[in-house]
């Protein structure tokens, strides 16, 4: 911050007289003393960045912001990042721990290896989110797969543990959806086909920029159109919906939108059977039957309309 020349003069007068002034500087203020002694701050030189350096720095900052982006457990942008919750182990450390775990099967080392790969568990669980299962449940299922991978991994294999564990964790998640994620019992063939159709339809939608037809899905999946239709229909058995759940913005439930039973349908077969016989009756008697059984009039009301006595109607 730089002082105005008038402020400097006022500060000098105040310093000599030892009294406060109406200006921004006073004799007791450090900045006032500096101004009175003639000491002024020298502004720092402004150095313009080279465009290439500035662009590179901007890109590095943008990548750093993306990498530091926080992800909440529910998938939002608030909360603590997965990496902060589950710090990853270094590859050398993982290999050393597995070597030691292979010898003594220490529970402490086993727990360290599991906790060090919980980030991989959450990453794979999020790939299966949005299919009707809570993310916390998927993380638990994926953790079971991680535990199995830790117990079965052989450090002598020429493969990293994360590469080995990923198929095991994904398989555990798929098995969960196949066996426990269906509200109704569906054949395993259709369950696996339904899971495969999700990725096939998504890929075709991106390539075609529209919803694919059944024939296009069947060709991409290497199966028949009937199989595709059957697999798509099986998706309706994945989740049950309560009849008392809201079905519209008006507050109506599914139960209230179901069709009501029409009592007149029960008499339809009878009417079809007697219709040829009714057509053989005289017009006045046909009129009586119409007023009585279709209009619901009483015998006296029918008699009044036809101008006859109630005895004739009965």
C-alpha atoms as a PDB file:
ATOM      1  CA  UNK A   1       0.000   0.000   0.000  1.00  0.00           C
ATOM      2  CA  UNK A   2       1.468   3.402  -0.995  1.00  0.00           C
ATOM      3  CA  UNK A   3       0.893   6.649   0.894  1.00  0.00           C
ATOM      4  CA  UNK A   4      -0.507   9.704  -0.782  1.00  0.00           C
ATOM      5  CA  UNK A   5       1.916  12.720  -0.804  1.00  0.00           C
ATOM      6  CA  UNK A   6      -0.569  14.702   1.285  1.00  0.00           C
ATOM      7  CA  UNK A   7      -0.636  11.936   3.851  1.00  0.00           C
ATOM      8  CA  UNK A   8       3.157  11.948   4.019  1.00  0.00           C
ATOM      9  CA  UNK A   9       3.200  15.678   4.757  1.00  0.00           C
ATOM     10  CA  UNK A  10       0.536  15.286   7.418  1.00  0.00           C
ATOM     11  CA  UNK A  11       2.497  12.463   9.010  1.00  0.00           C
ATOM     12  CA  UNK A  12       5.669  14.578   9.110  1.00  0.00           C
ATOM     13  CA  UNK A  13       3.841  17.452  10.823  1.00  0.00           C
ATOM     14  CA  UNK A  14       2.299  15.055  13.324  1.00  0.00           C
ATOM     15  CA  UNK A  15       5.701  13.521  14.076  1.00  0.00           C
ATOM     16  CA  UNK A  16       7.203  16.932  14.838  1.00  0.00           C
ATOM     17  CA  UNK A  17       4.298  18.130  16.927  1.00  0.00           C
ATOM     18  CA  UNK A  18       3.645  14.847  18.742  1.00  0.00           C
ATOM     19  CA  UNK A  19      -0.161  15.091  18.303  1.00  0.00           C
ATOM     20  CA  UNK A  20      -2.700  13.072  16.310  1.00  0.00           C
ATOM     21  CA  UNK A  21      -4.015  14.560  13.090  1.00  0.00           C
ATOM     22  CA  UNK A  22      -7.184  14.098  11.146  1.00  0.00           C
ATOM     23  CA  UNK A  23      -5.232  12.237   8.439  1.00  0.00           C
ATOM     24  CA  UNK A  24      -4.627   8.496   8.249  1.00  0.00           C
ATOM     25  CA  UNK A  25      -1.126   8.767   9.753  1.00  0.00           C
ATOM     26  CA  UNK A  26      -0.228   9.581  13.374  1.00  0.00           C
ATOM     27  CA  UNK A  27       3.066   9.989  15.247  1.00  0.00           C
ATOM     28  CA  UNK A  28       2.512   6.804  17.223  1.00  0.00           C
ATOM     29  CA  UNK A  29       1.842   4.692  14.160  1.00  0.00           C
ATOM     30  CA  UNK A  30       4.665   2.678  12.700  1.00  0.00           C
ATOM     31  CA  UNK A  31       3.676   3.624   9.188  1.00  0.00           C
ATOM     32  CA  UNK A  32       3.555   7.281  10.245  1.00  0.00           C
ATOM     33  CA  UNK A  33       7.091   7.077  11.577  1.00  0.00           C
ATOM     34  CA  UNK A  34       8.291   5.429   8.397  1.00  0.00           C
ATOM     35  CA  UNK A  35       6.653   8.145   6.346  1.00  0.00           C
ATOM     36  CA  UNK A  36       8.118  10.898   8.538  1.00  0.00           C
ATOM     37  CA  UNK A  37      11.603   9.482   8.144  1.00  0.00           C
ATOM     38  CA  UNK A  38      11.192   9.465   4.390  1.00  0.00           C
ATOM     39  CA  UNK A  39      11.210   5.681   4.083  1.00  0.00           C
ATOM     40  CA  UNK A  40       8.884   4.491   1.391  1.00  0.00           C
ATOM     41  CA  UNK A  41       8.038   0.990   0.298  1.00  0.00           C
ATOM     42  CA  UNK A  42       9.323   0.033  -3.090  1.00  0.00           C
ATOM     43  CA  UNK A  43       6.794  -1.910  -5.135  1.00  0.00           C
ATOM     44  CA  UNK A  44       7.851  -5.375  -6.216  1.00  0.00           C
ATOM     45  CA  UNK A  45       8.599  -5.637  -9.932  1.00  0.00           C
ATOM     46  CA  UNK A  46       5.856  -7.260 -11.973  1.00  0.00           C
ATOM     47  CA  UNK A  47       7.266 -10.057 -14.091  1.00  0.00           C
ATOM     48  CA  UNK A  48       5.148 -11.214 -16.976  1.00  0.00           C
ATOM     49  CA  UNK A  49       5.087 -14.937 -17.510  1.00  0.00           C
ATOM     50  CA  UNK A  50       6.135 -16.426 -20.751  1.00  0.00           C
ATOM     51  CA  UNK A  51       2.942 -17.620 -22.508  1.00  0.00           C
ATOM     52  CA  UNK A  52       4.258 -21.166 -22.770  1.00  0.00           C
ATOM     53  CA  UNK A  53       5.243 -21.258 -19.104  1.00  0.00           C
ATOM     54  CA  UNK A  54       1.896 -19.751 -18.073  1.00  0.00           C
ATOM     55  CA  UNK A  55      -0.067 -22.277 -20.116  1.00  0.00           C
ATOM     56  CA  UNK A  56       1.954 -25.161 -18.723  1.00  0.00           C
ATOM     57  CA  UNK A  57       1.479 -23.892 -15.188  1.00  0.00           C
ATOM     58  CA  UNK A  58      -2.262 -23.508 -15.816  1.00  0.00           C
ATOM     59  CA  UNK A  59      -2.512 -27.061 -17.124  1.00  0.00           C
ATOM     60  CA  UNK A  60      -0.566 -28.422 -14.165  1.00  0.00           C
ATOM     61  CA  UNK A  61      -2.801 -26.511 -11.775  1.00  0.00           C
ATOM     62  CA  UNK A  62      -5.905 -27.777 -13.535  1.00  0.00           C
ATOM     63  CA  UNK A  63      -4.648 -31.368 -13.337  1.00  0.00           C
ATOM     64  CA  UNK A  64      -3.808 -30.844  -9.684  1.00  0.00           C
ATOM     65  CA  UNK A  65      -7.305 -29.510  -8.991  1.00  0.00           C
ATOM     66  CA  UNK A  66      -8.829 -32.508 -10.725  1.00  0.00           C
ATOM     67  CA  UNK A  67      -6.657 -34.931  -8.765  1.00  0.00           C
ATOM     68  CA  UNK A  68      -7.478 -33.181  -5.484  1.00  0.00           C
ATOM     69  CA  UNK A  69     -11.186 -33.142  -6.203  1.00  0.00           C
ATOM     70  CA  UNK A  70     -13.031 -34.425  -3.199  1.00  0.00           C
ATOM     71  CA  UNK A  71     -15.584 -37.167  -3.556  1.00  0.00           C
ATOM     72  CA  UNK A  72     -18.126 -37.897  -0.882  1.00  0.00           C
ATOM     73  CA  UNK A  73     -19.112 -41.440   0.065  1.00  0.00           C
ATOM     74  CA  UNK A  74     -22.415 -40.879  -1.665  1.00  0.00           C
ATOM     75  CA  UNK A  75     -20.834 -39.772  -4.898  1.00  0.00           C
ATOM     76  CA  UNK A  76     -21.123 -35.993  -4.389  1.00  0.00           C
ATOM     77  CA  UNK A  77     -18.414 -33.370  -4.549  1.00  0.00           C
ATOM     78  CA  UNK A  78     -18.264 -32.755  -0.793  1.00  0.00           C
ATOM     79  CA  UNK A  79     -16.478 -34.863   1.813  1.00  0.00           C
ATOM     80  CA  UNK A  80     -13.091 -36.539   1.856  1.00  0.00           C
ATOM     81  CA  UNK A  81     -11.437 -37.997  -1.203  1.00  0.00           C
ATOM     82  CA  UNK A  82     -10.996 -41.742  -1.590  1.00  0.00           C
ATOM     83  CA  UNK A  83      -7.231 -41.362  -1.620  1.00  0.00           C
ATOM     84  CA  UNK A  84      -7.289 -39.458   1.679  1.00  0.00           C
ATOM     85  CA  UNK A  85      -9.530 -42.050   3.327  1.00  0.00           C
ATOM     86  CA  UNK A  86      -7.591 -45.034   1.951  1.00  0.00           C
ATOM     87  CA  UNK A  87      -3.945 -44.137   1.246  1.00  0.00           C
ATOM     88  CA  UNK A  88      -2.422 -46.517  -1.283  1.00  0.00           C
ATOM     89  CA  UNK A  89       0.598 -48.648  -0.485  1.00  0.00           C
ATOM     90  CA  UNK A  90       3.686 -48.352  -2.653  1.00  0.00           C
ATOM     91  CA  UNK A  91       4.309 -51.249  -5.044  1.00  0.00           C
ATOM     92  CA  UNK A  92       7.576 -52.148  -3.343  1.00  0.00           C
ATOM     93  CA  UNK A  93       5.883 -52.112   0.040  1.00  0.00           C
ATOM     94  CA  UNK A  94       3.025 -54.287  -1.245  1.00  0.00           C
ATOM     95  CA  UNK A  95       5.474 -56.841  -2.611  1.00  0.00           C
ATOM     96  CA  UNK A  96       7.452 -56.888   0.646  1.00  0.00           C
ATOM     97  CA  UNK A  97       4.308 -57.312   2.749  1.00  0.00           C
ATOM     98  CA  UNK A  98       3.033 -60.156   0.599  1.00  0.00           C
ATOM     99  CA  UNK A  99       6.409 -61.893   0.873  1.00  0.00           C
ATOM    100  CA  UNK A 100       6.236 -61.643   4.628  1.00  0.00           C
ATOM    101  CA  UNK A 101       2.550 -62.587   4.715  1.00  0.00           C
ATOM    102  CA  UNK A 102       3.310 -65.687   2.666  1.00  0.00           C
ATOM    103  CA  UNK A 103       5.708 -66.843   5.388  1.00  0.00           C
ATOM    104  CA  UNK A 104       3.939 -66.081   8.675  1.00  0.00           C
ATOM    105  CA  UNK A 105       0.309 -65.312   7.611  1.00  0.00           C
ATOM    106  CA  UNK A 106       0.271 -62.469  10.110  1.00  0.00           C
ATOM    107  CA  UNK A 107      -3.203 -60.967  10.785  1.00  0.00           C
ATOM    108  CA  UNK A 108      -1.631 -57.511  11.148  1.00  0.00           C
ATOM    109  CA  UNK A 109      -0.006 -57.711   7.704  1.00  0.00           C
ATOM    110  CA  UNK A 110      -3.240 -59.050   6.237  1.00  0.00           C
ATOM    111  CA  UNK A 111      -5.161 -56.115   7.682  1.00  0.00           C
ATOM    112  CA  UNK A 112      -2.551 -53.664   6.369  1.00  0.00           C
ATOM    113  CA  UNK A 113      -2.809 -55.114   2.860  1.00  0.00           C
ATOM    114  CA  UNK A 114      -6.607 -54.957   2.933  1.00  0.00           C
ATOM    115  CA  UNK A 115      -6.739 -51.394   4.244  1.00  0.00           C
ATOM    116  CA  UNK A 116      -4.107 -50.319   1.731  1.00  0.00           C
ATOM    117  CA  UNK A 117      -6.318 -51.382  -1.195  1.00  0.00           C
ATOM    118  CA  UNK A 118      -9.703 -50.072  -0.022  1.00  0.00           C
ATOM    119  CA  UNK A 119      -9.370 -47.296  -2.584  1.00  0.00           C
ATOM    120  CA  UNK A 120      -9.454 -49.912  -5.351  1.00  0.00           C
ATOM    121  CA  UNK A 121     -12.503 -51.464  -3.680  1.00  0.00           C
ATOM    122  CA  UNK A 122     -14.440 -48.201  -3.680  1.00  0.00           C
ATOM    123  CA  UNK A 123     -13.430 -47.391  -7.255  1.00  0.00           C
ATOM    124  CA  UNK A 124     -14.727 -50.731  -8.540  1.00  0.00           C
ATOM    125  CA  UNK A 125     -17.883 -50.529  -6.406  1.00  0.00           C
ATOM    126  CA  UNK A 126     -18.756 -47.137  -7.916  1.00  0.00           C
ATOM    127  CA  UNK A 127     -18.695 -48.715 -11.381  1.00  0.00           C
ATOM    128  CA  UNK A 128     -21.715 -50.781 -10.335  1.00  0.00           C
ATOM    129  CA  UNK A 129     -23.569 -47.922  -8.641  1.00  0.00           C
ATOM    130  CA  UNK A 130     -26.938 -46.788  -9.960  1.00  0.00           C
ATOM    131  CA  UNK A 131     -28.348 -50.311 -10.313  1.00  0.00           C
ATOM    132  CA  UNK A 132     -30.665 -50.194  -7.339  1.00  0.00           C
ATOM    133  CA  UNK A 133     -28.146 -51.232  -4.690  1.00  0.00           C
ATOM    134  CA  UNK A 134     -26.776 -48.788  -2.057  1.00  0.00           C
ATOM    135  CA  UNK A 135     -23.124 -47.887  -2.558  1.00  0.00           C
ATOM    136  CA  UNK A 136     -22.253 -48.917   1.002  1.00  0.00           C
ATOM    137  CA  UNK A 137     -23.554 -52.427   0.317  1.00  0.00           C
ATOM    138  CA  UNK A 138     -21.544 -52.620  -2.891  1.00  0.00           C
ATOM    139  CA  UNK A 139     -18.393 -51.528  -1.045  1.00  0.00           C
ATOM    140  CA  UNK A 140     -18.929 -54.305   1.497  1.00  0.00           C
ATOM    141  CA  UNK A 141     -19.378 -56.888  -1.254  1.00  0.00           C
ATOM    142  CA  UNK A 142     -16.273 -55.618  -3.066  1.00  0.00           C
ATOM    143  CA  UNK A 143     -14.311 -55.776   0.194  1.00  0.00           C
ATOM    144  CA  UNK A 144     -15.160 -59.477   0.453  1.00  0.00           C
ATOM    145  CA  UNK A 145     -13.622 -59.923  -2.989  1.00  0.00           C
ATOM    146  CA  UNK A 146     -10.531 -58.011  -1.858  1.00  0.00           C
ATOM    147  CA  UNK A 147     -10.127 -60.256   1.188  1.00  0.00           C
ATOM    148  CA  UNK A 148     -10.327 -63.340  -1.022  1.00  0.00           C
ATOM    149  CA  UNK A 149      -7.734 -61.858  -3.376  1.00  0.00           C
ATOM    150  CA  UNK A 150      -5.350 -61.082  -0.498  1.00  0.00           C
ATOM    151  CA  UNK A 151      -5.633 -64.621   0.845  1.00  0.00           C
ATOM    152  CA  UNK A 152      -5.086 -66.233  -2.564  1.00  0.00           C
ATOM    153  CA  UNK A 153      -2.404 -63.977  -4.057  1.00  0.00           C
ATOM    154  CA  UNK A 154       0.982 -65.508  -4.790  1.00  0.00           C
ATOM    155  CA  UNK A 155       3.784 -62.891  -4.790  1.00  0.00           C
ATOM    156  CA  UNK A 156       5.901 -65.169  -6.992  1.00  0.00           C
ATOM    157  CA  UNK A 157       3.588 -64.454  -9.908  1.00  0.00           C
ATOM    158  CA  UNK A 158       4.811 -61.901 -12.398  1.00  0.00           C
ATOM    159  CA  UNK A 159       1.730 -59.736 -11.926  1.00  0.00           C
ATOM    160  CA  UNK A 160       0.852 -56.825  -9.681  1.00  0.00           C
ATOM    161  CA  UNK A 161      -1.652 -57.420  -6.920  1.00  0.00           C
ATOM    162  CA  UNK A 162      -4.100 -54.773  -8.174  1.00  0.00           C
ATOM    163  CA  UNK A 163      -4.172 -56.481 -11.578  1.00  0.00           C
ATOM    164  CA  UNK A 164      -4.844 -59.815  -9.903  1.00  0.00           C
ATOM    165  CA  UNK A 165      -7.431 -58.465  -7.451  1.00  0.00           C
ATOM    166  CA  UNK A 166      -9.570 -56.517  -9.931  1.00  0.00           C
ATOM    167  CA  UNK A 167     -11.218 -59.557 -11.628  1.00  0.00           C
ATOM    168  CA  UNK A 168     -11.816 -61.147  -8.229  1.00  0.00           C
ATOM    169  CA  UNK A 169     -13.543 -58.041  -6.865  1.00  0.00           C
ATOM    170  CA  UNK A 170     -15.594 -57.497 -10.032  1.00  0.00           C
ATOM    171  CA  UNK A 171     -16.608 -61.158 -10.000  1.00  0.00           C
ATOM    172  CA  UNK A 172     -17.811 -60.838  -6.419  1.00  0.00           C
ATOM    173  CA  UNK A 173     -19.907 -57.799  -7.359  1.00  0.00           C
ATOM    174  CA  UNK A 174     -21.422 -59.563 -10.366  1.00  0.00           C
ATOM    175  CA  UNK A 175     -22.184 -62.614  -8.247  1.00  0.00           C
ATOM    176  CA  UNK A 176     -23.971 -60.374  -5.756  1.00  0.00           C
ATOM    177  CA  UNK A 177     -26.180 -58.889  -8.463  1.00  0.00           C
ATOM    178  CA  UNK A 178     -26.808 -62.307  -9.955  1.00  0.00           C
ATOM    179  CA  UNK A 179     -27.766 -64.132  -6.758  1.00  0.00           C
ATOM    180  CA  UNK A 180     -29.131 -61.498  -4.382  1.00  0.00           C
ATOM    181  CA  UNK A 181     -29.991 -58.453  -6.429  1.00  0.00           C
ATOM    182  CA  UNK A 182     -33.109 -59.883  -8.060  1.00  0.00           C
ATOM    183  CA  UNK A 183     -36.498 -59.485  -6.427  1.00  0.00           C
ATOM    184  CA  UNK A 184     -37.845 -62.479  -8.372  1.00  0.00           C
ATOM    185  CA  UNK A 185     -36.017 -65.645  -9.269  1.00  0.00           C
ATOM    186  CA  UNK A 186     -34.688 -65.332 -12.811  1.00  0.00           C
ATOM    187  CA  UNK A 187     -32.629 -67.976 -14.651  1.00  0.00           C
ATOM    188  CA  UNK A 188     -28.898 -67.345 -14.460  1.00  0.00           C
ATOM    189  CA  UNK A 189     -28.697 -67.213 -18.243  1.00  0.00           C
ATOM    190  CA  UNK A 190     -31.027 -64.189 -18.313  1.00  0.00           C
ATOM    191  CA  UNK A 191     -29.308 -62.565 -15.342  1.00  0.00           C
ATOM    192  CA  UNK A 192     -25.927 -62.663 -17.057  1.00  0.00           C
ATOM    193  CA  UNK A 193     -27.478 -61.528 -20.339  1.00  0.00           C
ATOM    194  CA  UNK A 194     -29.141 -58.579 -18.612  1.00  0.00           C
ATOM    195  CA  UNK A 195     -25.838 -57.473 -17.083  1.00  0.00           C
ATOM    196  CA  UNK A 196     -24.119 -57.759 -20.464  1.00  0.00           C
ATOM    197  CA  UNK A 197     -26.857 -55.825 -22.249  1.00  0.00           C
ATOM    198  CA  UNK A 198     -26.210 -52.752 -20.109  1.00  0.00           C
ATOM    199  CA  UNK A 199     -22.694 -52.270 -21.481  1.00  0.00           C
ATOM    200  CA  UNK A 200     -23.686 -53.266 -25.041  1.00  0.00           C
ATOM    201  CA  UNK A 201     -26.577 -50.790 -25.186  1.00  0.00           C
ATOM    202  CA  UNK A 202     -24.457 -48.016 -23.674  1.00  0.00           C
ATOM    203  CA  UNK A 203     -21.681 -48.554 -26.225  1.00  0.00           C
ATOM    204  CA  UNK A 204     -24.094 -48.643 -29.165  1.00  0.00           C
ATOM    205  CA  UNK A 205     -25.880 -45.510 -27.974  1.00  0.00           C
ATOM    206  CA  UNK A 206     -22.584 -43.601 -27.993  1.00  0.00           C
ATOM    207  CA  UNK A 207     -21.574 -44.895 -31.409  1.00  0.00           C
ATOM    208  CA  UNK A 208     -24.963 -44.379 -33.090  1.00  0.00           C
ATOM    209  CA  UNK A 209     -25.961 -41.238 -31.168  1.00  0.00           C
ATOM    210  CA  UNK A 210     -29.422 -42.760 -30.715  1.00  0.00           C
ATOM    211  CA  UNK A 211     -31.126 -45.672 -29.047  1.00  0.00           C
ATOM    212  CA  UNK A 212     -30.142 -48.932 -30.786  1.00  0.00           C
ATOM    213  CA  UNK A 213     -32.735 -51.275 -32.238  1.00  0.00           C
ATOM    214  CA  UNK A 214     -33.243 -54.823 -31.031  1.00  0.00           C
ATOM    215  CA  UNK A 215     -31.588 -56.154 -34.195  1.00  0.00           C
ATOM    216  CA  UNK A 216     -28.507 -53.962 -33.642  1.00  0.00           C
ATOM    217  CA  UNK A 217     -28.260 -55.064 -30.009  1.00  0.00           C
ATOM    218  CA  UNK A 218     -28.574 -58.727 -30.998  1.00  0.00           C
ATOM    219  CA  UNK A 219     -25.825 -58.372 -33.602  1.00  0.00           C
ATOM    220  CA  UNK A 220     -23.471 -56.645 -31.169  1.00  0.00           C
ATOM    221  CA  UNK A 221     -24.192 -59.166 -28.410  1.00  0.00           C
ATOM    222  CA  UNK A 222     -23.879 -62.150 -30.729  1.00  0.00           C
ATOM    223  CA  UNK A 223     -27.305 -63.570 -29.953  1.00  0.00           C
ATOM    224  CA  UNK A 224     -30.841 -63.645 -31.341  1.00  0.00           C
ATOM    225  CA  UNK A 225     -33.477 -60.947 -31.135  1.00  0.00           C
ATOM    226  CA  UNK A 226     -35.718 -63.213 -29.056  1.00  0.00           C
ATOM    227  CA  UNK A 227     -32.924 -63.598 -26.513  1.00  0.00           C
ATOM    228  CA  UNK A 228     -32.504 -59.822 -26.363  1.00  0.00           C
ATOM    229  CA  UNK A 229     -36.227 -59.259 -25.777  1.00  0.00           C
ATOM    230  CA  UNK A 230     -36.245 -61.921 -23.092  1.00  0.00           C
ATOM    231  CA  UNK A 231     -33.207 -60.381 -21.424  1.00  0.00           C
ATOM    232  CA  UNK A 232     -34.737 -56.901 -21.473  1.00  0.00           C
ATOM    233  CA  UNK A 233     -37.979 -58.214 -19.995  1.00  0.00           C
ATOM    234  CA  UNK A 234     -36.060 -59.910 -17.200  1.00  0.00           C
ATOM    235  CA  UNK A 235     -34.862 -56.501 -15.992  1.00  0.00           C
ATOM    236  CA  UNK A 236     -38.376 -55.818 -14.691  1.00  0.00           C
ATOM    237  CA  UNK A 237     -37.893 -58.616 -12.153  1.00  0.00           C
ATOM    238  CA  UNK A 238     -34.859 -56.915 -10.649  1.00  0.00           C
ATOM    239  CA  UNK A 239     -36.724 -54.651  -8.246  1.00  0.00           C
ATOM    240  CA  UNK A 240     -40.140 -54.752  -6.631  1.00  0.00           C
ATOM    241  CA  UNK A 241     -42.228 -51.610  -6.240  1.00  0.00           C
ATOM    242  CA  UNK A 242     -44.794 -51.235  -3.510  1.00  0.00           C
ATOM    243  CA  UNK A 243     -48.363 -50.657  -4.671  1.00  0.00           C
ATOM    244  CA  UNK A 244     -48.600 -47.944  -2.017  1.00  0.00           C
ATOM    245  CA  UNK A 245     -45.612 -46.025  -3.442  1.00  0.00           C
ATOM    246  CA  UNK A 246     -46.330 -42.677  -5.177  1.00  0.00           C
ATOM    247  CA  UNK A 247     -46.766 -43.133  -8.906  1.00  0.00           C
ATOM    248  CA  UNK A 248     -47.257 -39.521 -10.018  1.00  0.00           C
ATOM    249  CA  UNK A 249     -46.830 -35.928  -8.933  1.00  0.00           C
ATOM    250  CA  UNK A 250     -50.523 -35.812  -8.015  1.00  0.00           C
ATOM    251  CA  UNK A 251     -49.853 -38.186  -5.132  1.00  0.00           C
ATOM    252  CA  UNK A 252     -51.644 -41.172  -6.631  1.00  0.00           C
ATOM    253  CA  UNK A 253     -50.263 -44.585  -5.746  1.00  0.00           C
ATOM    254  CA  UNK A 254     -49.798 -47.514  -8.096  1.00  0.00           C
ATOM    255  CA  UNK A 255     -52.673 -49.266  -6.352  1.00  0.00           C
ATOM    256  CA  UNK A 256     -55.011 -46.365  -7.139  1.00  0.00           C
ATOM    257  CA  UNK A 257     -54.048 -46.487 -10.806  1.00  0.00           C
ATOM    258  CA  UNK A 258     -54.804 -50.171 -11.225  1.00  0.00           C
ATOM    259  CA  UNK A 259     -57.864 -51.009 -13.277  1.00  0.00           C
ATOM    260  CA  UNK A 260     -61.022 -51.806 -11.323  1.00  0.00           C
ATOM    261  CA  UNK A 261     -63.003 -54.931 -11.996  1.00  0.00           C
ATOM    262  CA  UNK A 262     -66.033 -54.259 -14.191  1.00  0.00           C
ATOM    263  CA  UNK A 263     -69.017 -56.175 -12.855  1.00  0.00           C
ATOM    264  CA  UNK A 264     -70.800 -55.954 -16.196  1.00  0.00           C
ATOM    265  CA  UNK A 265     -68.123 -58.136 -17.802  1.00  0.00           C
ATOM    266  CA  UNK A 266     -69.412 -61.127 -15.857  1.00  0.00           C
ATOM    267  CA  UNK A 267     -72.785 -60.879 -17.630  1.00  0.00           C
ATOM    268  CA  UNK A 268     -71.234 -60.542 -21.079  1.00  0.00           C
ATOM    269  CA  UNK A 269     -71.156 -64.282 -21.746  1.00  0.00           C
ATOM    270  CA  UNK A 270     -74.766 -64.613 -20.644  1.00  0.00           C
ATOM    271  CA  UNK A 271     -75.848 -61.761 -22.912  1.00  0.00           C
ATOM    272  CA  UNK A 272     -74.117 -63.302 -25.904  1.00  0.00           C
ATOM    273  CA  UNK A 273     -75.911 -66.578 -25.187  1.00  0.00           C
ATOM    274  CA  UNK A 274     -79.443 -65.144 -24.822  1.00  0.00           C
ATOM    275  CA  UNK A 275     -79.201 -62.445 -27.479  1.00  0.00           C
ATOM    276  CA  UNK A 276     -80.548 -64.644 -30.328  1.00  0.00           C
ATOM    277  CA  UNK A 277     -83.538 -65.575 -28.149  1.00  0.00           C
ATOM    278  CA  UNK A 278     -84.232 -61.976 -27.140  1.00  0.00           C
ATOM    279  CA  UNK A 279     -84.316 -60.891 -30.773  1.00  0.00           C
ATOM    280  CA  UNK A 280     -87.196 -63.298 -31.320  1.00  0.00           C
ATOM    281  CA  UNK A 281     -89.384 -61.526 -28.704  1.00  0.00           C
ATOM    282  CA  UNK A 282     -91.978 -58.860 -29.606  1.00  0.00           C
ATOM    283  CA  UNK A 283     -90.757 -55.240 -29.487  1.00  0.00           C
ATOM    284  CA  UNK A 284     -92.635 -54.365 -26.265  1.00  0.00           C
ATOM    285  CA  UNK A 285     -91.194 -57.320 -24.365  1.00  0.00           C
ATOM    286  CA  UNK A 286     -87.702 -56.522 -25.626  1.00  0.00           C
ATOM    287  CA  UNK A 287     -88.282 -52.976 -24.383  1.00  0.00           C
ATOM    288  CA  UNK A 288     -89.248 -54.320 -20.960  1.00  0.00           C
ATOM    289  CA  UNK A 289     -86.078 -56.359 -20.710  1.00  0.00           C
ATOM    290  CA  UNK A 290     -83.953 -53.388 -21.772  1.00  0.00           C
ATOM    291  CA  UNK A 291     -85.502 -51.055 -19.191  1.00  0.00           C
ATOM    292  CA  UNK A 292     -85.303 -53.628 -16.435  1.00  0.00           C
ATOM    293  CA  UNK A 293     -81.820 -55.098 -16.881  1.00  0.00           C
ATOM    294  CA  UNK A 294     -79.922 -52.292 -18.635  1.00  0.00           C
ATOM    295  CA  UNK A 295     -81.574 -49.168 -17.231  1.00  0.00           C
ATOM    296  CA  UNK A 296     -82.338 -50.643 -13.807  1.00  0.00           C
ATOM    297  CA  UNK A 297     -85.927 -49.367 -13.637  1.00  0.00           C
ATOM    298  CA  UNK A 298     -88.474 -50.892 -11.295  1.00  0.00           C
ATOM    299  CA  UNK A 299     -91.564 -52.698 -12.509  1.00  0.00           C
ATOM    300  CA  UNK A 300     -93.822 -49.743 -11.683  1.00  0.00           C
ATOM    301  CA  UNK A 301     -91.524 -47.333 -13.562  1.00  0.00           C
ATOM    302  CA  UNK A 302     -91.515 -49.624 -16.594  1.00  0.00           C
ATOM    303  CA  UNK A 303     -95.305 -49.852 -16.449  1.00  0.00           C
ATOM    304  CA  UNK A 304     -95.578 -46.065 -16.390  1.00  0.00           C
ATOM    305  CA  UNK A 305     -93.299 -45.690 -19.427  1.00  0.00           C
ATOM    306  CA  UNK A 306     -95.080 -48.365 -21.457  1.00  0.00           C
ATOM    307  CA  UNK A 307     -98.609 -47.343 -20.351  1.00  0.00           C
ATOM    308  CA  UNK A 308     -99.491 -50.765 -18.972  1.00  0.00           C
ATOM    309  CA  UNK A 309    -100.171 -52.175 -15.544  1.00  0.00           C
ATOM    310  CA  UNK A 310     -97.444 -53.478 -13.264  1.00  0.00           C
ATOM    311  CA  UNK A 311     -99.076 -56.908 -13.428  1.00  0.00           C
ATOM    312  CA  UNK A 312     -98.311 -57.084 -17.153  1.00  0.00           C
ATOM    313  CA  UNK A 313     -94.687 -56.198 -16.498  1.00  0.00           C
ATOM    314  CA  UNK A 314     -94.279 -58.850 -13.826  1.00  0.00           C
END
